[in-house]
PDB file of N, CA and C in Angstrom:
ATOM      1  N   UNK A   1      37.285  48.644 -61.492  1.00  0.00           N
ATOM      2  CA  UNK A   1      36.932  47.238 -61.548  1.00  0.00           C
ATOM      3  C   UNK A   1      37.367  46.693 -62.919  1.00  0.00           C
ATOM      4  N   UNK A   2      38.113  45.591 -62.913  1.00  0.00           N
ATOM      5  CA  UNK A   2      38.550  45.012 -64.181  1.00  0.00           C
ATOM      6  C   UNK A   2      37.373  44.599 -65.058  1.00  0.00           C
ATOM      7  N   UNK A   3      37.620  44.611 -66.340  1.00  0.00           N
ATOM      8  CA  UNK A   3      36.590  44.299 -67.335  1.00  0.00           C
ATOM      9  C   UNK A   3      35.976  42.910 -67.134  1.00  0.00           C
ATOM     10  N   UNK A   4      36.830  41.932 -66.824  1.00  0.00           N
ATOM     11  CA  UNK A   4      36.355  40.562 -66.625  1.00  0.00           C
ATOM     12  C   UNK A   4      35.368  40.482 -65.462  1.00  0.00           C
ATOM     13  N   UNK A   5      35.663  41.177 -64.373  1.00  0.00           N
ATOM     14  CA  UNK A   5      34.766  41.163 -63.212  1.00  0.00           C
ATOM     15  C   UNK A   5      33.426  41.806 -63.547  1.00  0.00           C
ATOM     16  N   UNK A   6      33.450  42.895 -64.316  1.00  0.00           N
ATOM     17  CA  UNK A   6      32.188  43.534 -64.716  1.00  0.00           C
ATOM     18  C   UNK A   6      31.335  42.568 -65.520  1.00  0.00           C
ATOM     19  N   UNK A   7      31.979  41.838 -66.426  1.00  0.00           N
ATOM     20  CA  UNK A   7      31.239  40.853 -67.235  1.00  0.00           C
ATOM     21  C   UNK A   7      30.613  39.784 -66.356  1.00  0.00           C
ATOM     22  N   UNK A   8      31.357  39.295 -65.376  1.00  0.00           N
ATOM     23  CA  UNK A   8      30.830  38.261 -64.484  1.00  0.00           C
ATOM     24  C   UNK A   8      29.648  38.778 -63.683  1.00  0.00           C
ATOM     25  N   UNK A   9      29.741  40.000 -63.205  1.00  0.00           N
ATOM     26  CA  UNK A   9      28.643  40.574 -62.426  1.00  0.00           C
ATOM     27  C   UNK A   9      27.404  40.727 -63.292  1.00  0.00           C
ATOM     28  N   UNK A  10      27.577  41.228 -64.524  1.00  0.00           N
ATOM     29  CA  UNK A  10      26.436  41.389 -65.425  1.00  0.00           C
ATOM     30  C   UNK A  10      25.821  40.047 -65.784  1.00  0.00           C
ATOM     31  N   UNK A  11      26.665  39.053 -66.027  1.00  0.00           N
ATOM     32  CA  UNK A  11      26.152  37.725 -66.362  1.00  0.00           C
ATOM     33  C   UNK A  11      25.410  37.116 -65.178  1.00  0.00           C
ATOM     34  N   UNK A  12      25.920  37.318 -63.980  1.00  0.00           N
ATOM     35  CA  UNK A  12      25.247  36.793 -62.788  1.00  0.00           C
ATOM     36  C   UNK A  12      23.885  37.447 -62.626  1.00  0.00           C
ATOM     37  N   UNK A  13      23.806  38.740 -62.891  1.00  0.00           N
ATOM     38  CA  UNK A  13      22.513  39.429 -62.808  1.00  0.00           C
ATOM     39  C   UNK A  13      21.533  38.888 -63.839  1.00  0.00           C
ATOM     40  N   UNK A  14      22.043  38.563 -65.024  1.00  0.00           N
ATOM     41  CA  UNK A  14      21.159  37.983 -66.058  1.00  0.00           C
ATOM     42  C   UNK A  14      20.604  36.643 -65.597  1.00  0.00           C
ATOM     43  N   UNK A  15      21.445  35.826 -64.997  1.00  0.00           N
ATOM     44  CA  UNK A  15      20.980  34.527 -64.497  1.00  0.00           C
ATOM     45  C   UNK A  15      19.939  34.725 -63.401  1.00  0.00           C
ATOM     46  N   UNK A  16      20.175  35.669 -62.504  1.00  0.00           N
ATOM     47  CA  UNK A  16      19.213  35.921 -61.437  1.00  0.00           C
ATOM     48  C   UNK A  16      17.897  36.452 -61.992  1.00  0.00           C
ATOM     49  N   UNK A  17      17.947  37.295 -63.027  1.00  0.00           N
ATOM     50  CA  UNK A  17      16.711  37.769 -63.665  1.00  0.00           C
ATOM     51  C   UNK A  17      15.967  36.614 -64.313  1.00  0.00           C
ATOM     52  N   UNK A  18      16.720  35.709 -64.960  1.00  0.00           N
ATOM     53  CA  UNK A  18      16.111  34.536 -65.583  1.00  0.00           C
ATOM     54  C   UNK A  18      15.415  33.677 -64.535  1.00  0.00           C
ATOM     55  N   UNK A  19      16.091  33.449 -63.406  1.00  0.00           N
ATOM     56  CA  UNK A  19      15.500  32.640 -62.342  1.00  0.00           C
ATOM     57  C   UNK A  19      14.252  33.315 -61.774  1.00  0.00           C
ATOM     58  N   UNK A  20      14.286  34.630 -61.648  1.00  0.00           N
ATOM     59  CA  UNK A  20      13.127  35.372 -61.143  1.00  0.00           C
ATOM     60  C   UNK A  20      11.954  35.283 -62.117  1.00  0.00           C
ATOM     61  N   UNK A  21      12.250  35.414 -63.404  1.00  0.00           N
ATOM     62  CA  UNK A  21      11.193  35.305 -64.419  1.00  0.00           C
ATOM     63  C   UNK A  21      10.595  33.901 -64.424  1.00  0.00           C
ATOM     64  N   UNK A  22      11.447  32.887 -64.303  1.00  0.00           N
ATOM     65  CA  UNK A  22      10.949  31.510 -64.259  1.00  0.00           C
ATOM     66  C   UNK A  22      10.066  31.301 -63.041  1.00  0.00           C
ATOM     67  N   UNK A  23      10.447  31.879 -61.908  1.00  0.00           N
ATOM     68  CA  UNK A  23       9.644  31.754 -60.683  1.00  0.00           C
ATOM     69  C   UNK A  23       8.284  32.420 -60.865  1.00  0.00           C
ATOM     70  N   UNK A  24       8.273  33.591 -61.503  1.00  0.00           N
ATOM     71  CA  UNK A  24       6.995  34.269 -61.756  1.00  0.00           C
ATOM     72  C   UNK A  24       6.080  33.424 -62.631  1.00  0.00           C
ATOM     73  N   UNK A  25       6.658  32.834 -63.666  1.00  0.00           N
ATOM     74  CA  UNK A  25       5.843  32.015 -64.572  1.00  0.00           C
ATOM     75  C   UNK A  25       5.331  30.759 -63.876  1.00  0.00           C
ATOM     76  N   UNK A  26       6.169  30.149 -63.049  1.00  0.00           N
ATOM     77  CA  UNK A  26       5.712  28.975 -62.303  1.00  0.00           C
ATOM     78  C   UNK A  26       4.625  29.344 -61.305  1.00  0.00           C
ATOM     79  N   UNK A  27       4.775  30.494 -60.668  1.00  0.00           N
ATOM     80  CA  UNK A  27       3.755  30.937 -59.709  1.00  0.00           C
ATOM     81  C   UNK A  27       2.425  31.146 -60.416  1.00  0.00           C
ATOM     82  N   UNK A  28       2.471  31.748 -61.612  1.00  0.00           N
ATOM     83  CA  UNK A  28       1.224  31.935 -62.367  1.00  0.00           C
ATOM     84  C   UNK A  28       0.649  30.602 -62.799  1.00  0.00           C
ATOM     85  N   UNK A  29       1.515  29.688 -63.185  1.00  0.00           N
ATOM     86  CA  UNK A  29       1.060  28.370 -63.614  1.00  0.00           C
ATOM     87  C   UNK A  29       0.315  27.663 -62.484  1.00  0.00           C
ATOM     88  N   UNK A  30       0.836  27.767 -61.275  1.00  0.00           N
ATOM     89  CA  UNK A  30       0.211  27.114 -60.131  1.00  0.00           C
ATOM     90  C   UNK A  30      -0.745  28.030 -59.385  1.00  0.00           C
ATOM     91  N   UNK A  31      -1.004  29.202 -59.971  1.00  0.00           N
ATOM     92  CA  UNK A  31      -1.965  30.178 -59.438  1.00  0.00           C
ATOM     93  C   UNK A  31      -1.662  30.589 -57.999  1.00  0.00           C
ATOM     94  N   UNK A  32      -0.426  30.849 -57.742  1.00  0.00           N
ATOM     95  CA  UNK A  32      -0.043  31.336 -56.419  1.00  0.00           C
ATOM     96  C   UNK A  32       0.089  32.850 -56.477  1.00  0.00           C
ATOM     97  N   UNK A  33      -0.324  33.509 -55.440  1.00  0.00           N
ATOM     98  CA  UNK A  33      -0.202  34.955 -55.407  1.00  0.00           C
ATOM     99  C   UNK A  33       1.189  35.347 -54.920  1.00  0.00           C
ATOM    100  N   UNK A  34       1.493  36.629 -54.999  1.00  0.00           N
ATOM    101  CA  UNK A  34       2.769  37.111 -54.504  1.00  0.00           C
ATOM    102  C   UNK A  34       3.866  37.118 -55.552  1.00  0.00           C
ATOM    103  N   UNK A  35       3.513  36.958 -56.787  1.00  0.00           N
ATOM    104  CA  UNK A  35       4.466  36.999 -57.905  1.00  0.00           C
ATOM    105  C   UNK A  35       5.691  36.116 -57.688  1.00  0.00           C
ATOM    106  N   UNK A  36       5.448  34.905 -57.278  1.00  0.00           N
ATOM    107  CA  UNK A  36       6.513  33.912 -57.210  1.00  0.00           C
ATOM    108  C   UNK A  36       7.375  33.973 -55.964  1.00  0.00           C
ATOM    109  N   UNK A  37       6.920  34.649 -54.915  1.00  0.00           N
ATOM    110  CA  UNK A  37       7.732  34.754 -53.709  1.00  0.00           C
ATOM    111  C   UNK A  37       8.064  33.372 -53.144  1.00  0.00           C
ATOM    112  N   UNK A  38       7.090  32.510 -53.038  1.00  0.00           N
ATOM    113  CA  UNK A  38       7.351  31.176 -52.515  1.00  0.00           C
ATOM    114  C   UNK A  38       8.206  30.348 -53.449  1.00  0.00           C
ATOM    115  N   UNK A  39       7.992  30.534 -54.735  1.00  0.00           N
ATOM    116  CA  UNK A  39       8.744  29.771 -55.731  1.00  0.00           C
ATOM    117  C   UNK A  39      10.201  30.220 -55.744  1.00  0.00           C
ATOM    118  N   UNK A  40      10.459  31.491 -55.516  1.00  0.00           N
ATOM    119  CA  UNK A  40      11.833  32.009 -55.512  1.00  0.00           C
ATOM    120  C   UNK A  40      12.683  31.394 -54.410  1.00  0.00           C
ATOM    121  N   UNK A  41      12.051  30.920 -53.362  1.00  0.00           N
ATOM    122  CA  UNK A  41      12.788  30.362 -52.235  1.00  0.00           C
ATOM    123  C   UNK A  41      12.909  28.843 -52.289  1.00  0.00           C
ATOM    124  N   UNK A  42      12.282  28.227 -53.270  1.00  0.00           N
ATOM    125  CA  UNK A  42      12.296  26.774 -53.350  1.00  0.00           C
ATOM    126  C   UNK A  42      13.683  26.258 -53.722  1.00  0.00           C
ATOM    127  N   UNK A  43      14.057  25.105 -53.187  1.00  0.00           N
ATOM    128  CA  UNK A  43      15.332  24.510 -53.586  1.00  0.00           C
ATOM    129  C   UNK A  43      15.259  24.028 -55.033  1.00  0.00           C
ATOM    130  N   UNK A  44      16.398  23.986 -55.684  1.00  0.00           N
ATOM    131  CA  UNK A  44      16.442  23.549 -57.075  1.00  0.00           C
ATOM    132  C   UNK A  44      17.512  22.468 -57.236  1.00  0.00           C
ATOM    133  N   UNK A  45      17.375  21.711 -58.298  1.00  0.00           N
ATOM    134  CA  UNK A  45      18.422  20.770 -58.685  1.00  0.00           C
ATOM    135  C   UNK A  45      18.770  21.072 -60.134  1.00  0.00           C
ATOM    136  N   UNK A  46      19.992  20.787 -60.493  1.00  0.00           N
ATOM    137  CA  UNK A  46      20.474  21.106 -61.820  1.00  0.00           C
ATOM    138  C   UNK A  46      21.043  19.837 -62.442  1.00  0.00           C
ATOM    139  N   UNK A  47      20.887  19.710 -63.738  1.00  0.00           N
ATOM    140  CA  UNK A  47      21.478  18.571 -64.433  1.00  0.00           C
ATOM    141  C   UNK A  47      22.139  19.061 -65.705  1.00  0.00           C
ATOM    142  N   UNK A  48      23.164  18.349 -66.124  1.00  0.00           N
ATOM    143  CA  UNK A  48      23.899  18.724 -67.327  1.00  0.00           C
ATOM    144  C   UNK A  48      24.380  17.463 -68.032  1.00  0.00           C
ATOM    145  N   UNK A  49      24.406  17.544 -69.333  1.00  0.00           N
ATOM    146  CA  UNK A  49      24.883  16.437 -70.153  1.00  0.00           C
ATOM    147  C   UNK A  49      26.105  16.907 -70.923  1.00  0.00           C
ATOM    148  N   UNK A  50      27.150  16.104 -70.916  1.00  0.00           N
ATOM    149  CA  UNK A  50      28.389  16.348 -71.658  1.00  0.00           C
ATOM    150  C   UNK A  50      28.964  17.726 -71.352  1.00  0.00           C
ATOM    151  N   UNK A  51      29.194  18.552 -72.356  1.00  0.00           N
ATOM    152  CA  UNK A  51      29.876  19.834 -72.178  1.00  0.00           C
ATOM    153  C   UNK A  51      29.023  20.876 -71.466  1.00  0.00           C
ATOM    154  N   UNK A  52      27.774  20.593 -71.204  1.00  0.00           N
ATOM    155  CA  UNK A  52      26.918  21.551 -70.492  1.00  0.00           C
ATOM    156  C   UNK A  52      27.297  21.670 -69.025  1.00  0.00           C
ATOM    157  N   UNK A  53      28.308  20.899 -68.588  1.00  0.00           N
ATOM    158  CA  UNK A  53      28.736  21.025 -67.202  1.00  0.00           C
ATOM    159  C   UNK A  53      29.372  22.385 -66.953  1.00  0.00           C
ATOM    160  N   UNK A  54      29.936  23.020 -67.974  1.00  0.00           N
ATOM    161  CA  UNK A  54      30.566  24.323 -67.782  1.00  0.00           C
ATOM    162  C   UNK A  54      29.560  25.400 -67.376  1.00  0.00           C
ATOM    163  N   UNK A  55      28.436  25.572 -68.104  1.00  0.00           N
ATOM    164  CA  UNK A  55      27.460  26.554 -67.643  1.00  0.00           C
ATOM    165  C   UNK A  55      26.872  26.199 -66.273  1.00  0.00           C
ATOM    166  N   UNK A  56      26.730  24.919 -65.994  1.00  0.00           N
ATOM    167  CA  UNK A  56      26.218  24.499 -64.696  1.00  0.00           C
ATOM    168  C   UNK A  56      27.207  24.877 -63.595  1.00  0.00           C
ATOM    169  N   UNK A  57      28.469  24.601 -63.824  1.00  0.00           N
ATOM    170  CA  UNK A  57      29.494  24.960 -62.841  1.00  0.00           C
ATOM    171  C   UNK A  57      29.560  26.474 -62.668  1.00  0.00           C
ATOM    172  N   UNK A  58      29.454  27.203 -63.752  1.00  0.00           N
ATOM    173  CA  UNK A  58      29.472  28.667 -63.676  1.00  0.00           C
ATOM    174  C   UNK A  58      28.293  29.172 -62.851  1.00  0.00           C
ATOM    175  N   UNK A  59      27.115  28.608 -63.089  1.00  0.00           N
ATOM    176  CA  UNK A  59      25.920  29.027 -62.345  1.00  0.00           C
ATOM    177  C   UNK A  59      26.118  28.844 -60.852  1.00  0.00           C
ATOM    178  N   UNK A  60      26.753  27.751 -60.481  1.00  0.00           N
ATOM    179  CA  UNK A  60      26.974  27.478 -59.066  1.00  0.00           C
ATOM    180  C   UNK A  60      28.062  28.376 -58.483  1.00  0.00           C
ATOM    181  N   UNK A  61      29.068  28.678 -59.286  1.00  0.00           N
ATOM    182  CA  UNK A  61      30.202  29.449 -58.799  1.00  0.00           C
ATOM    183  C   UNK A  61      29.926  30.956 -58.778  1.00  0.00           C
ATOM    184  N   UNK A  62      29.371  31.480 -59.853  1.00  0.00           N
ATOM    185  CA  UNK A  62      29.246  32.929 -60.032  1.00  0.00           C
ATOM    186  C   UNK A  62      27.802  33.404 -60.057  1.00  0.00           C
ATOM    187  N   UNK A  63      26.885  32.530 -60.395  1.00  0.00           N
ATOM    188  CA  UNK A  63      25.516  32.949 -60.681  1.00  0.00           C
ATOM    189  C   UNK A  63      24.674  33.389 -59.513  1.00  0.00           C
ATOM    190  N   UNK A  64      25.108  33.157 -58.294  1.00  0.00           N
ATOM    191  CA  UNK A  64      24.353  33.614 -57.141  1.00  0.00           C
ATOM    192  C   UNK A  64      23.169  32.739 -56.779  1.00  0.00           C
ATOM    193  N   UNK A  65      23.149  31.495 -57.233  1.00  0.00           N
ATOM    194  CA  UNK A  65      22.030  30.609 -56.914  1.00  0.00           C
ATOM    195  C   UNK A  65      22.476  29.387 -56.117  1.00  0.00           C
ATOM    196  N   UNK A  66      23.746  29.314 -55.764  1.00  0.00           N
ATOM    197  CA  UNK A  66      24.261  28.097 -55.122  1.00  0.00           C
ATOM    198  C   UNK A  66      23.619  27.816 -53.771  1.00  0.00           C
ATOM    199  N   UNK A  67      23.090  28.836 -53.094  1.00  0.00           N
ATOM    200  CA  UNK A  67      22.457  28.596 -51.801  1.00  0.00           C
ATOM    201  C   UNK A  67      21.146  27.833 -51.930  1.00  0.00           C
ATOM    202  N   UNK A  68      20.550  27.830 -53.121  1.00  0.00           N
ATOM    203  CA  UNK A  68      19.283  27.120 -53.334  1.00  0.00           C
ATOM    204  C   UNK A  68      19.467  25.718 -53.899  1.00  0.00           C
ATOM    205  N   UNK A  69      20.637  25.418 -54.401  1.00  0.00           N
ATOM    206  CA  UNK A  69      20.878  24.137 -55.078  1.00  0.00           C
ATOM    207  C   UNK A  69      20.978  23.019 -54.056  1.00  0.00           C
ATOM    208  N   UNK A  70      20.198  21.985 -54.282  1.00  0.00           N
ATOM    209  CA  UNK A  70      20.208  20.815 -53.401  1.00  0.00           C
ATOM    210  C   UNK A  70      20.809  19.595 -54.075  1.00  0.00           C
ATOM    211  N   UNK A  71      20.981  19.654 -55.383  1.00  0.00           N
ATOM    212  CA  UNK A  71      21.563  18.524 -56.088  1.00  0.00           C
ATOM    213  C   UNK A  71      22.027  18.903 -57.474  1.00  0.00           C
ATOM    214  N   UNK A  72      23.079  18.228 -57.940  1.00  0.00           N
ATOM    215  CA  UNK A  72      23.609  18.428 -59.285  1.00  0.00           C
ATOM    216  C   UNK A  72      23.843  17.056 -59.878  1.00  0.00           C
ATOM    217  N   UNK A  73      23.342  16.857 -61.084  1.00  0.00           N
ATOM    218  CA  UNK A  73      23.528  15.588 -61.790  1.00  0.00           C
ATOM    219  C   UNK A  73      24.310  15.884 -63.058  1.00  0.00           C
ATOM    220  N   UNK A  74      25.474  15.251 -63.207  1.00  0.00           N
ATOM    221  CA  UNK A  74      26.298  15.429 -64.400  1.00  0.00           C
ATOM    222  C   UNK A  74      26.391  14.088 -65.124  1.00  0.00           C
ATOM    223  N   UNK A  75      25.971  14.085 -66.365  1.00  0.00           N
ATOM    224  CA  UNK A  75      26.009  12.871 -67.178  1.00  0.00           C
ATOM    225  C   UNK A  75      27.052  13.030 -68.267  1.00  0.00           C
ATOM    226  N   UNK A  76      27.999  12.138 -68.331  1.00  0.00           N
ATOM    227  CA  UNK A  76      29.053  12.141 -69.345  1.00  0.00           C
ATOM    228  C   UNK A  76      29.830  13.455 -69.317  1.00  0.00           C
ATOM    229  N   UNK A  77      30.121  13.962 -68.134  1.00  0.00           N
ATOM    230  CA  UNK A  77      30.796  15.249 -68.016  1.00  0.00           C
ATOM    231  C   UNK A  77      32.173  15.146 -67.378  1.00  0.00           C
ATOM    232  N   UNK A  78      32.713  13.972 -67.313  1.00  0.00           N
ATOM    233  CA  UNK A  78      33.980  13.759 -66.612  1.00  0.00           C
ATOM    234  C   UNK A  78      35.162  14.342 -67.387  1.00  0.00           C
ATOM    235  N   UNK A  79      35.075  14.468 -68.668  1.00  0.00           N
ATOM    236  CA  UNK A  79      36.235  14.826 -69.480  1.00  0.00           C
ATOM    237  C   UNK A  79      36.547  16.314 -69.484  1.00  0.00           C
ATOM    238  N   UNK A  80      35.897  17.121 -68.700  1.00  0.00           N
ATOM    239  CA  UNK A  80      36.027  18.576 -68.750  1.00  0.00           C
ATOM    240  C   UNK A  80      37.337  19.107 -68.236  1.00  0.00           C
ATOM    241  N   UNK A  81      37.417  20.409 -68.177  1.00  0.00           N
ATOM    242  CA  UNK A  81      38.608  21.094 -67.712  1.00  0.00           C
ATOM    243  C   UNK A  81      38.855  20.813 -66.236  1.00  0.00           C
ATOM    244  N   UNK A  82      40.106  20.883 -65.854  1.00  0.00           N
ATOM    245  CA  UNK A  82      40.461  20.728 -64.444  1.00  0.00           C
ATOM    246  C   UNK A  82      41.311  21.911 -64.027  1.00  0.00           C
ATOM    247  N   UNK A  83      41.279  22.208 -62.736  1.00  0.00           N
ATOM    248  CA  UNK A  83      42.123  23.310 -62.220  1.00  0.00           C
ATOM    249  C   UNK A  83      43.111  22.776 -61.241  1.00  0.00           C
TER     250      UNK A  83
END
């Protein structure tokens, strides 16, 4: 497996761990049992300002969370890279 692909896989796992940890904390905040099981399945929306569109785009492309995303808001992000 090429080095770049390994990095992407590891980074995607980090994002998924972050999302899982956030779900656990939200579940505790709202006193739900099951260690965030319901929260892990909730739809999410993402927003980015200016150059933060790159991490947002990466999260949707590689991060493994795109199936939960219901909306993306980009503010002042038109000037970014194009393919």
